Amino acid sequence: MLKKKMVLKFILGLKIRQLRDKRDLSLKELADLSDLSVSYLNEIEKGKKYPKIEKLAALAQGLQIDLGELVSFKTGRNLHPLLKFLESDMVEKVPLELFGLSESDVMDLMGHDPEKFASFVLTILQVSRSFDIKMEDIYTAALKSYIEAHDNYFPEIEKIAKKMRSEWGFNSDEIKIEQIKDILKKNYKYEIDEHIIGQHKTLSQTRFLVKRAHPATIFLNPKSKDTEKIFGIAKELGHLVLGTKKVPGEMNLGEKLDDFKTSYFAGALLLEEKAFSKDLKQIFGHQKFEPEFFTKLISKYNVSTEVLFHRLTQVLSGNFKVNEVFFLGLSTRLDTKEDFEIYNELHLGQLHSPHAVHMHENYCRRWVAIKSLKYLKENRSMENFLLGQISEGLNGQKYFSLSLARKASLDSDVLNSLTIGFLVNDELKNTLKFLDDKNLKQIPIGQTCERCPRMDCNDRVAPPVIYEKELELDAQRKLIENLTR
């Protein structure tokens, strides 16, 4: 993160350079006027030194301005956005080290051409306001970028989870919820409460809460399934083992990263890497696609679908070298017919299709994620429904997509579908032997109905207005080019 002292140095250097240029003074000329060495003045302008008061006074005299004006945070209008950025909370909250950046790297970037950087910052701020993007959204996007940069596989957390399984005596594949509760109670003196959340209507959608002040307590929603409860408890064990920070309601990026690490630990604890990889290898080796093989995994390891699918992305990347993967979470309400919302998304390797870029348009109804939800809507007696297909996008790329739709545990009017998709390439063909199964349907898909050029689609729920507008604009551009040659 950028420290305020570093920011002060940068602003002073920036102002001195601006004022020197305004008076058409060279470095040597200002150095002579201020009785400073050229090298020392150069260090000040680069934001590496902050001189003592007597040298600041000499600089002010050499620039023919008041000392107060020199040391103030006021800048010209063209640099005002940059100043606002440097004064913002974001400067202190973004952990630059996560992305391999140092303070000096950022300062060099801004100092290379501060006016252009200020224009860039102003553009970002205007876009953020236009689309109501909050700091929380920026932190979430930064965290996703960090996860994607590591292919969602963190071997150091895998090693810790494996070590703790051994220390706690978790020898079988499935860990029982009572085993996790006992560890928290006996080893860490936690209390487990499964009543209080259920007594408050405003907490009806909350799966678990943690109080770490004495007596440390985990509050579990009594309506949650055991597979959801065990994840919450395992996540708190992750906090204790990894030594992460307390996570308040409104998290900055560092705290979001800590929260992710505890979730990763929980998944690695509940689905041990070696055993889970062995099960996957057996499933992948079948010549026929059998959906029930995946549902049996959920039962075997006593985990939720979310944990299983997220764990799939981690283990596939780390153990099978399959890292062109996307994860998608969609939801719909039983009282609506054609309303679907993406609430979770992760892309490894590249931005895959489908993805949530057109939030106010109608997502393609051929997505396996939507098809599984629609099937469950029509068959409400079923608890869940698993569907697989090979989807072919408009760019010709094919994906093996697996989607499980189920009823939300805490809201009887909501259905969720969790989808994991793998780019079909040589690596995947060598891993998934059932890709040639004739019963595995290949379906052409689009992004949204409004953008889709497939005019013969019987699943369309809206006309291709955006695509037709693009055709019209393209024809207009070509006409203008022909007329102006």
Protein backbone atom coordinates (compact mmCIF):
# COMPACT_ATOMS: atom_id res chain seq x y z
CA MET A 1 0.00 0.00 0.00
CA LEU A 2 1.07 3.61 -0.52
CA LYS A 3 1.99 5.35 2.73
CA LYS A 4 0.98 8.99 3.29
CA LYS A 5 4.65 9.97 3.69
CA MET A 6 5.37 8.62 0.20
CA VAL A 7 2.40 10.55 -1.19
CA LEU A 8 3.66 13.79 0.41
CA LYS A 9 7.06 13.34 -1.24
CA PHE A 10 5.45 12.67 -4.61
CA ILE A 11 3.14 15.72 -4.49
CA LEU A 12 6.03 18.01 -3.48
CA GLY A 13 8.23 16.73 -6.30
CA LEU A 14 5.38 17.08 -8.78
CA LYS A 15 4.69 20.69 -7.74
CA ILE A 16 8.35 21.68 -7.90
CA ARG A 17 8.66 20.24 -11.39
CA GLN A 18 5.48 22.04 -12.53
CA LEU A 19 6.60 25.37 -11.08
CA ARG A 20 10.10 25.01 -12.53
CA ASP A 21 8.68 24.28 -15.99
CA LYS A 22 6.28 27.24 -15.65
CA ARG A 23 9.24 29.56 -14.99
CA ASP A 24 11.32 27.88 -17.71
CA LEU A 25 14.04 26.92 -15.27
CA SER A 26 16.42 24.00 -15.76
CA LEU A 27 17.29 21.71 -12.86
CA LYS A 28 20.70 23.36 -12.59
CA GLU A 29 19.25 26.88 -12.63
CA LEU A 30 16.79 26.11 -9.81
CA ALA A 31 19.51 24.27 -7.89
CA ASP A 32 21.76 27.34 -8.12
CA LEU A 33 18.90 29.68 -7.04
CA SER A 34 18.12 27.43 -4.05
CA ASP A 35 21.74 26.64 -3.14
CA LEU A 36 21.08 22.90 -3.59
CA SER A 37 22.94 20.28 -5.59
CA VAL A 38 21.43 19.18 -8.90
CA SER A 39 21.40 15.53 -7.78
CA TYR A 40 19.57 16.38 -4.52
CA LEU A 41 16.97 18.48 -6.37
CA ASN A 42 16.49 15.64 -8.84
CA GLU A 43 15.81 13.24 -5.93
CA ILE A 44 13.18 15.66 -4.55
CA GLU A 45 11.42 15.95 -7.90
CA LYS A 46 11.30 12.15 -8.21
CA GLY A 47 9.56 11.92 -4.83
CA LYS A 48 12.45 10.14 -3.15
CA LYS A 49 13.46 12.93 -0.74
CA TYR A 50 11.52 15.37 1.44
CA PRO A 51 13.82 18.25 2.46
CA LYS A 52 13.94 19.95 5.84
CA ILE A 53 12.13 23.26 6.38
CA GLU A 54 15.15 25.49 5.66
CA LYS A 55 15.72 23.84 2.28
CA LEU A 56 12.00 24.06 1.49
CA ALA A 57 12.19 27.78 2.25
CA ALA A 58 15.18 28.12 -0.12
CA LEU A 59 13.24 26.28 -2.85
CA ALA A 60 10.22 28.54 -2.36
CA GLN A 61 12.44 31.60 -2.67
CA GLY A 62 14.07 30.21 -5.82
CA LEU A 63 10.61 29.57 -7.35
CA GLN A 64 9.36 33.01 -6.18
CA ILE A 65 6.38 31.65 -4.22
CA ASP A 66 5.34 31.52 -0.56
CA LEU A 67 6.52 28.54 1.48
CA GLY A 68 2.90 27.75 2.40
CA GLU A 69 1.95 27.47 -1.26
CA LEU A 70 4.85 25.10 -1.93
CA VAL A 71 4.06 22.66 0.88
CA SER A 72 0.27 22.76 0.50
CA PHE A 73 -1.60 19.94 -1.23
CA LYS A 74 -3.07 22.32 -3.80
CA THR A 75 -2.32 21.52 -7.44
CA GLY A 76 -3.43 22.86 -10.78
CA ARG A 77 -6.84 21.91 -12.14
CA ASN A 78 -5.31 19.47 -14.62
CA LEU A 79 -3.81 17.43 -11.76
CA HIS A 80 -6.79 17.68 -9.40
CA PRO A 81 -8.07 14.13 -10.19
CA LEU A 82 -4.63 12.73 -9.39
CA LEU A 83 -4.61 14.57 -6.06
CA LYS A 84 -8.08 13.25 -5.20
CA PHE A 85 -6.88 9.74 -6.03
CA LEU A 86 -3.82 10.10 -3.77
CA GLU A 87 -5.99 11.45 -0.93
CA SER A 88 -8.52 8.62 -1.22
CA ASP A 89 -8.76 5.60 1.06
CA MET A 90 -8.02 3.37 -1.93
CA VAL A 91 -4.36 4.47 -1.91
CA GLU A 92 -3.81 3.02 1.56
CA LYS A 93 -6.05 -0.03 1.24
CA VAL A 94 -4.78 -1.64 -1.97
CA PRO A 95 -2.01 -4.14 -1.10
CA LEU A 96 0.34 -3.48 -4.00
CA GLU A 97 2.63 -6.33 -2.99
CA LEU A 98 -0.05 -8.83 -4.07
CA PHE A 99 0.54 -7.76 -7.66
CA GLY A 100 4.32 -7.49 -7.43
CA LEU A 101 4.30 -3.68 -7.27
CA SER A 102 6.26 -1.39 -4.96
CA GLU A 103 5.49 2.17 -3.91
CA SER A 104 8.23 3.47 -6.19
CA ASP A 105 6.76 1.53 -9.16
CA VAL A 106 3.45 3.36 -8.77
CA MET A 107 5.12 6.72 -8.19
CA ASP A 108 7.29 6.26 -11.29
CA LEU A 109 4.19 5.43 -13.32
CA MET A 110 2.37 8.54 -12.13
CA GLY A 111 5.42 10.75 -12.36
CA HIS A 112 6.29 9.77 -15.95
CA ASP A 113 3.40 11.85 -17.31
CA PRO A 114 1.24 13.04 -14.38
CA GLU A 115 -1.27 14.93 -16.53
CA LYS A 116 -2.05 11.86 -18.65
CA PHE A 117 -2.25 9.72 -15.52
CA ALA A 118 -4.62 12.28 -13.98
CA SER A 119 -6.81 12.06 -17.10
CA PHE A 120 -6.78 8.28 -16.78
CA VAL A 121 -7.84 8.50 -13.12
CA LEU A 122 -10.60 10.98 -14.01
CA THR A 123 -11.88 8.59 -16.70
CA ILE A 124 -11.97 5.70 -14.22
CA LEU A 125 -13.83 7.85 -11.68
CA GLN A 126 -16.39 8.97 -14.27
CA VAL A 127 -16.99 5.38 -15.42
CA SER A 128 -17.34 4.30 -11.79
CA ARG A 129 -19.99 6.98 -11.14
CA SER A 130 -21.84 6.24 -14.38
CA PHE A 131 -22.19 2.54 -13.55
CA ASP A 132 -22.47 3.03 -9.77
CA ILE A 133 -19.25 1.09 -9.17
CA LYS A 134 -18.29 1.13 -5.50
CA MET A 135 -14.95 0.44 -3.80
CA GLU A 136 -16.34 -2.94 -2.79
CA ASP A 137 -16.78 -3.80 -6.50
CA ILE A 138 -13.20 -2.72 -7.27
CA TYR A 139 -11.82 -4.84 -4.42
CA THR A 140 -13.84 -7.84 -5.61
CA ALA A 141 -12.56 -7.42 -9.18
CA ALA A 142 -8.97 -7.09 -7.93
CA LEU A 143 -9.31 -10.25 -5.83
CA LYS A 144 -10.68 -12.18 -8.81
CA SER A 145 -7.75 -10.99 -10.91
CA TYR A 146 -5.36 -12.21 -8.22
CA ILE A 147 -7.06 -15.61 -8.04
CA GLU A 148 -7.11 -15.96 -11.83
CA ALA A 149 -3.42 -15.01 -12.04
CA HIS A 150 -2.67 -18.04 -9.82
CA ASP A 151 -5.09 -20.35 -11.70
CA ASN A 152 -7.01 -20.62 -8.42
CA TYR A 153 -4.44 -23.06 -7.03
CA PHE A 154 -2.43 -22.22 -3.91
CA PRO A 155 -0.03 -25.08 -2.97
CA GLU A 156 1.00 -23.47 0.33
CA ILE A 157 -2.59 -23.63 1.63
CA GLU A 158 -2.93 -27.20 0.31
CA LYS A 159 0.11 -28.22 2.40
CA ILE A 160 -1.27 -26.59 5.56
CA ALA A 161 -4.69 -28.26 5.10
CA LYS A 162 -3.02 -31.67 4.60
CA LYS A 163 -0.89 -31.16 7.71
CA MET A 164 -3.90 -30.22 9.84
CA ARG A 165 -5.93 -33.20 8.61
CA SER A 166 -3.15 -35.42 9.92
CA GLU A 167 -2.80 -33.55 13.24
CA TRP A 168 -6.55 -33.61 13.86
CA GLY A 169 -6.85 -37.29 12.95
CA PHE A 170 -9.09 -36.86 9.88
CA ASN A 171 -8.17 -40.14 8.23
CA SER A 172 -11.27 -40.89 6.11
CA ASP A 173 -12.38 -39.03 2.98
CA GLU A 174 -15.55 -37.69 4.61
CA ILE A 175 -15.24 -35.42 7.64
CA LYS A 176 -18.26 -35.44 9.96
CA ILE A 177 -19.61 -32.14 11.23
CA GLU A 178 -19.25 -33.31 14.83
CA GLN A 179 -15.52 -33.86 14.27
CA ILE A 180 -15.07 -30.22 13.23
CA LYS A 181 -17.20 -28.99 16.14
CA ASP A 182 -15.10 -31.01 18.61
CA ILE A 183 -11.85 -29.48 17.30
CA LEU A 184 -13.22 -25.95 17.80
CA LYS A 185 -14.62 -26.72 21.24
CA LYS A 186 -11.69 -28.71 22.68
CA ASN A 187 -8.70 -27.11 20.97
CA TYR A 188 -9.88 -23.50 20.69
CA LYS A 189 -12.58 -23.21 23.39
CA TYR A 190 -15.33 -22.13 20.97
CA GLU A 191 -19.04 -22.36 21.67
CA ILE A 192 -21.46 -23.46 18.93
CA ASP A 193 -24.91 -21.81 18.84
CA GLU A 194 -27.57 -23.14 16.44
CA HIS A 195 -30.56 -21.17 17.76
CA ILE A 196 -30.01 -17.39 17.92
CA ILE A 197 -29.85 -16.70 14.17
CA GLY A 198 -33.12 -18.56 13.70
CA GLN A 199 -34.81 -16.18 16.15
CA HIS A 200 -34.14 -13.07 14.03
CA LYS A 201 -36.04 -12.57 10.77
CA THR A 202 -33.47 -10.06 9.47
CA LEU A 203 -30.82 -12.83 9.61
CA SER A 204 -32.90 -15.41 7.75
CA GLN A 205 -30.46 -15.43 4.79
CA THR A 206 -27.33 -15.57 6.99
CA ARG A 207 -25.70 -19.01 7.09
CA PHE A 208 -23.25 -18.36 9.93
CA LEU A 209 -21.72 -15.60 12.04
CA VAL A 210 -18.61 -15.55 14.23
CA LYS A 211 -17.95 -13.75 17.51
CA ARG A 212 -14.27 -13.94 18.42
CA ALA A 213 -14.47 -12.01 21.68
CA HIS A 214 -14.68 -14.17 24.82
CA PRO A 215 -16.47 -16.51 24.77
CA ALA A 216 -15.66 -17.17 21.09
CA THR A 217 -18.85 -18.38 19.41
CA ILE A 218 -19.98 -19.60 16.00
CA PHE A 219 -23.64 -18.92 15.30
CA LEU A 220 -25.14 -21.33 12.75
CA ASN A 221 -28.47 -20.85 11.00
CA PRO A 222 -30.66 -23.78 12.06
CA LYS A 223 -32.22 -23.84 8.58
CA SER A 224 -28.85 -24.37 6.88
CA LYS A 225 -27.97 -27.84 5.67
CA ASP A 226 -25.16 -29.71 7.44
CA THR A 227 -23.05 -29.38 4.27
CA GLU A 228 -23.28 -25.57 4.64
CA LYS A 229 -22.71 -25.61 8.39
CA ILE A 230 -19.58 -27.74 8.11
CA PHE A 231 -18.08 -25.29 5.62
CA GLY A 232 -18.68 -22.35 7.97
CA ILE A 233 -17.00 -24.17 10.85
CA ALA A 234 -14.10 -25.34 8.66
CA LYS A 235 -13.65 -21.77 7.46
CA GLU A 236 -13.27 -20.56 11.04
CA LEU A 237 -10.66 -23.25 11.60
CA GLY A 238 -8.89 -21.78 8.58
CA HIS A 239 -8.85 -18.38 10.28
CA LEU A 240 -7.30 -19.89 13.41
CA VAL A 241 -4.69 -21.95 11.54
CA LEU A 242 -3.72 -19.33 8.95
CA GLY A 243 -3.79 -16.44 11.43
CA THR A 244 -5.85 -14.19 9.17
CA LYS A 245 -7.32 -10.90 10.31
CA LYS A 246 -10.77 -10.39 11.72
CA VAL A 247 -13.14 -9.72 8.82
CA PRO A 248 -15.59 -6.83 9.42
CA GLY A 249 -18.77 -6.23 7.47
CA GLU A 250 -17.19 -3.87 4.92
CA MET A 251 -13.92 -5.43 3.74
CA ASN A 252 -10.94 -3.90 2.00
CA LEU A 253 -8.86 -5.92 -0.46
CA GLY A 254 -6.47 -7.32 2.12
CA GLU A 255 -9.36 -8.56 4.27
CA LYS A 256 -11.12 -9.99 1.20
CA LEU A 257 -7.94 -11.91 0.42
CA ASP A 258 -7.84 -13.26 3.97
CA ASP A 259 -11.49 -14.29 3.67
CA PHE A 260 -10.69 -16.10 0.40
CA LYS A 261 -7.76 -17.92 2.00
CA THR A 262 -9.92 -19.23 4.85
CA SER A 263 -12.51 -20.43 2.29
CA TYR A 264 -9.79 -22.12 0.25
CA PHE A 265 -8.48 -23.82 3.40
CA ALA A 266 -11.98 -25.07 4.26
CA GLY A 267 -12.39 -26.61 0.79
CA ALA A 268 -8.93 -28.19 0.92
CA LEU A 269 -9.65 -29.60 4.38
CA LEU A 270 -13.03 -31.11 3.43
CA LEU A 271 -11.90 -32.46 0.03
CA GLU A 272 -8.34 -33.67 0.48
CA GLU A 273 -6.36 -33.03 -2.69
CA LYS A 274 -4.93 -36.52 -3.29
CA ALA A 275 -8.15 -38.46 -2.57
CA PHE A 276 -10.33 -36.06 -4.53
CA SER A 277 -7.97 -36.15 -7.52
CA LYS A 278 -8.10 -39.95 -7.47
CA ASP A 279 -11.91 -39.91 -7.59
CA LEU A 280 -11.91 -37.38 -10.41
CA LYS A 281 -9.43 -39.40 -12.44
CA GLN A 282 -11.72 -42.41 -12.19
CA ILE A 283 -14.76 -40.39 -13.35
CA PHE A 284 -12.83 -38.74 -16.17
CA GLY A 285 -11.67 -42.12 -17.41
CA HIS A 286 -15.20 -43.32 -18.28
CA GLN A 287 -16.11 -43.50 -21.95
CA LYS A 288 -19.71 -42.43 -21.24
CA PHE A 289 -20.87 -39.25 -19.50
CA GLU A 290 -22.73 -40.22 -16.31
CA PRO A 291 -24.13 -37.20 -14.37
CA GLU A 292 -24.77 -39.27 -11.24
CA PHE A 293 -21.02 -39.80 -10.78
CA PHE A 294 -20.73 -36.12 -9.86
CA THR A 295 -23.74 -36.13 -7.52
CA LYS A 296 -22.26 -39.15 -5.73
CA LEU A 297 -19.13 -37.09 -5.02
CA ILE A 298 -21.24 -34.50 -3.17
CA SER A 299 -22.69 -37.24 -0.94
CA LYS A 300 -19.34 -38.95 -0.44
CA TYR A 301 -17.54 -35.88 0.87
CA ASN A 302 -20.53 -34.33 2.71
CA VAL A 303 -20.05 -30.92 1.05
CA SER A 304 -22.26 -28.43 -0.76
CA THR A 305 -22.34 -28.07 -4.53
CA GLU A 306 -20.52 -24.72 -4.28
CA VAL A 307 -17.63 -26.26 -2.38
CA LEU A 308 -17.42 -29.22 -4.77
CA PHE A 309 -17.41 -27.06 -7.92
CA HIS A 310 -14.95 -24.52 -6.55
CA ARG A 311 -12.72 -27.36 -5.42
CA LEU A 312 -12.94 -28.81 -8.92
CA THR A 313 -11.44 -25.63 -10.41
CA GLN A 314 -8.57 -25.77 -7.89
CA VAL A 315 -7.69 -29.45 -8.23
CA LEU A 316 -8.07 -29.51 -12.02
CA SER A 317 -5.60 -26.65 -12.29
CA GLY A 318 -3.12 -28.03 -9.78
CA ASN A 319 -3.27 -31.76 -10.58
CA PHE A 320 -4.58 -32.15 -14.13
CA LYS A 321 -3.14 -28.96 -15.69
CA VAL A 322 -6.65 -28.07 -16.90
CA ASN A 323 -6.83 -24.32 -16.29
CA GLU A 324 -9.10 -22.99 -19.05
CA VAL A 325 -12.14 -23.07 -16.81
CA PHE A 326 -15.10 -20.89 -15.83
CA PHE A 327 -17.46 -21.04 -12.86
CA LEU A 328 -20.91 -19.45 -12.98
CA GLY A 329 -23.65 -19.05 -10.39
CA LEU A 330 -27.17 -18.13 -11.58
CA SER A 331 -30.38 -17.64 -9.64
CA THR A 332 -34.05 -17.27 -10.44
CA ARG A 333 -37.25 -16.98 -8.46
CA LEU A 334 -40.10 -19.44 -8.73
CA ASP A 335 -42.60 -16.60 -9.15
CA THR A 336 -40.84 -15.23 -12.27
CA LYS A 337 -40.79 -16.85 -15.69
CA GLU A 338 -37.76 -15.52 -17.56
CA ASP A 339 -35.69 -13.61 -14.99
CA PHE A 340 -32.17 -14.98 -14.42
CA GLU A 341 -29.34 -13.28 -12.53
CA ILE A 342 -25.62 -14.09 -12.41
CA TYR A 343 -24.46 -13.79 -8.79
CA ASN A 344 -21.03 -15.45 -8.93
CA GLU A 345 -18.40 -15.76 -11.63
CA LEU A 346 -14.79 -16.88 -12.03
CA HIS A 347 -12.71 -17.23 -15.20
CA LEU A 348 -9.35 -19.00 -15.37
CA GLY A 349 -7.02 -18.70 -18.36
CA GLN A 350 -9.14 -16.15 -20.25
CA LEU A 351 -12.56 -14.52 -20.27
CA HIS A 352 -14.78 -17.40 -21.33
CA SER A 353 -18.27 -17.46 -22.74
CA PRO A 354 -20.75 -17.15 -21.16
CA HIS A 355 -19.92 -14.27 -18.84
CA ALA A 356 -21.80 -11.46 -17.08
CA VAL A 357 -21.11 -8.48 -19.32
CA HIS A 358 -24.68 -7.60 -20.30
CA MET A 359 -26.58 -7.42 -17.05
CA HIS A 360 -29.77 -5.88 -18.48
CA GLU A 361 -30.17 -8.20 -21.45
CA ASN A 362 -31.62 -11.68 -21.83
CA TYR A 363 -28.99 -14.37 -21.39
CA CYS A 364 -29.03 -17.12 -24.01
CA ARG A 365 -31.63 -19.73 -23.01
CA ARG A 366 -29.39 -22.46 -24.43
CA TRP A 367 -26.91 -22.04 -21.58
CA VAL A 368 -26.83 -25.26 -19.58
CA ALA A 369 -27.08 -23.09 -16.44
CA ILE A 370 -30.47 -21.72 -17.51
CA LYS A 371 -31.72 -25.04 -18.93
CA SER A 372 -31.08 -26.79 -15.61
CA LEU A 373 -32.96 -24.03 -13.75
CA LYS A 374 -35.92 -24.15 -16.13
CA TYR A 375 -36.14 -27.94 -15.81
CA LEU A 376 -36.22 -27.69 -12.01
CA LYS A 377 -38.89 -24.97 -12.22
CA GLU A 378 -41.06 -27.32 -14.24
CA ASN A 379 -40.39 -30.27 -11.92
CA ARG A 380 -40.70 -28.72 -8.47
CA SER A 381 -40.88 -32.03 -6.64
CA MET A 382 -37.19 -32.60 -7.43
CA GLU A 383 -34.55 -31.37 -4.98
CA ASN A 384 -31.90 -30.86 -7.67
CA PHE A 385 -31.12 -31.55 -11.30
CA LEU A 386 -27.72 -32.09 -12.94
CA LEU A 387 -27.22 -31.47 -16.65
CA GLY A 388 -24.18 -31.62 -18.91
CA GLN A 389 -23.61 -30.53 -22.50
CA ILE A 390 -20.94 -29.34 -24.91
CA SER A 391 -21.63 -25.69 -25.72
CA GLU A 392 -20.28 -24.03 -28.87
CA GLY A 393 -19.93 -20.27 -28.76
CA LEU A 394 -20.15 -17.81 -31.64
CA ASN A 395 -16.34 -17.72 -31.82
CA GLY A 396 -16.23 -21.49 -32.45
CA GLN A 397 -14.82 -22.40 -29.03
CA LYS A 398 -16.43 -25.42 -27.38
CA TYR A 399 -16.91 -26.01 -23.66
CA PHE A 400 -17.91 -29.05 -21.67
CA SER A 401 -20.34 -27.51 -19.19
CA LEU A 402 -21.80 -29.16 -16.12
CA SER A 403 -24.65 -27.47 -14.23
CA LEU A 404 -26.46 -28.45 -11.06
CA ALA A 405 -29.70 -26.63 -10.21
CA ARG A 406 -31.13 -26.90 -6.71
CA LYS A 407 -33.44 -25.15 -4.30
CA ALA A 408 -31.84 -22.47 -2.13
CA SER A 409 -31.64 -23.76 1.43
CA LEU A 410 -32.61 -20.47 3.10
CA ASP A 411 -35.22 -19.18 0.62
CA SER A 412 -37.86 -21.58 -0.67
CA ASP A 413 -38.78 -19.19 -3.51
CA VAL A 414 -35.28 -19.16 -5.05
CA LEU A 415 -33.53 -21.65 -7.30
CA ASN A 416 -29.75 -21.57 -7.90
CA SER A 417 -27.68 -23.23 -10.56
CA LEU A 418 -23.95 -23.74 -10.28
CA THR A 419 -22.09 -24.32 -13.52
CA ILE A 420 -18.52 -25.27 -14.26
CA GLY A 421 -17.24 -25.19 -17.84
CA PHE A 422 -14.01 -26.48 -19.41
CA LEU A 423 -12.61 -25.27 -22.71
CA VAL A 424 -12.43 -28.24 -25.08
CA ASN A 425 -8.79 -28.42 -26.21
CA ASP A 426 -6.17 -31.18 -26.53
CA GLU A 427 -5.45 -31.05 -22.79
CA LEU A 428 -9.09 -31.59 -21.90
CA LYS A 429 -9.58 -34.33 -24.51
CA ASN A 430 -6.70 -36.24 -22.93
CA THR A 431 -8.27 -35.80 -19.48
CA LEU A 432 -12.02 -36.32 -20.08
CA LYS A 433 -12.46 -39.58 -21.98
CA PHE A 434 -16.26 -39.19 -22.20
CA LEU A 435 -16.14 -36.11 -24.46
CA ASP A 436 -16.77 -38.34 -27.50
CA ASP A 437 -19.93 -39.81 -25.95
CA LYS A 438 -22.71 -39.47 -28.57
CA ASN A 439 -25.28 -38.92 -25.81
CA LEU A 440 -23.48 -35.75 -24.73
CA LYS A 441 -25.29 -33.12 -26.77
CA GLN A 442 -23.45 -30.32 -28.60
CA ILE A 443 -25.45 -27.10 -28.45
CA PRO A 444 -24.67 -23.78 -30.21
CA ILE A 445 -25.04 -20.89 -27.74
CA GLY A 446 -24.88 -17.09 -27.79
CA GLN A 447 -24.24 -14.45 -25.14
CA THR A 448 -27.58 -12.64 -25.03
CA CYS A 449 -30.61 -12.70 -27.32
CA GLU A 450 -30.14 -9.01 -28.09
CA ARG A 451 -26.63 -9.65 -29.50
CA CYS A 452 -27.13 -13.04 -31.12
CA PRO A 453 -26.95 -13.41 -34.95
CA ARG A 454 -28.62 -16.86 -34.89
CA MET A 455 -31.90 -15.87 -36.59
CA ASP A 456 -33.29 -19.42 -36.67
CA CYS A 457 -33.11 -19.89 -32.88
CA ASN A 458 -36.35 -21.28 -31.44
CA ASP A 459 -35.22 -20.50 -27.86
CA ARG A 460 -34.99 -16.74 -28.45
CA VAL A 461 -36.94 -14.60 -25.94
CA ALA A 462 -36.01 -11.15 -27.35
CA PRO A 463 -35.24 -9.77 -30.83
CA PRO A 464 -31.56 -9.23 -31.81
CA VAL A 465 -31.85 -5.43 -31.57
CA ILE A 466 -28.20 -4.78 -30.62
CA TYR A 467 -26.88 -7.09 -33.35
CA GLU A 468 -29.13 -5.43 -35.95
CA LYS A 469 -27.96 -2.00 -34.79
CA GLU A 470 -24.33 -3.10 -35.19
CA LEU A 471 -25.09 -4.28 -38.74
CA GLU A 472 -26.71 -0.94 -39.53
CA LEU A 473 -23.73 1.02 -38.17
CA ASP A 474 -21.30 -1.22 -40.03
CA ALA A 475 -23.18 -0.65 -43.31
CA GLN A 476 -23.17 3.10 -42.62
CA ARG A 477 -19.39 3.12 -42.02
CA LYS A 478 -18.75 1.22 -45.26
CA LEU A 479 -20.97 3.63 -47.20
CA ILE A 480 -19.14 6.65 -45.80
CA GLU A 481 -15.78 5.06 -46.63
CA ASN A 482 -16.87 4.45 -50.23
CA LEU A 483 -18.23 8.00 -50.65
CA THR A 484 -15.14 9.71 -49.17
CA ARG A 485 -12.43 7.78 -51.04
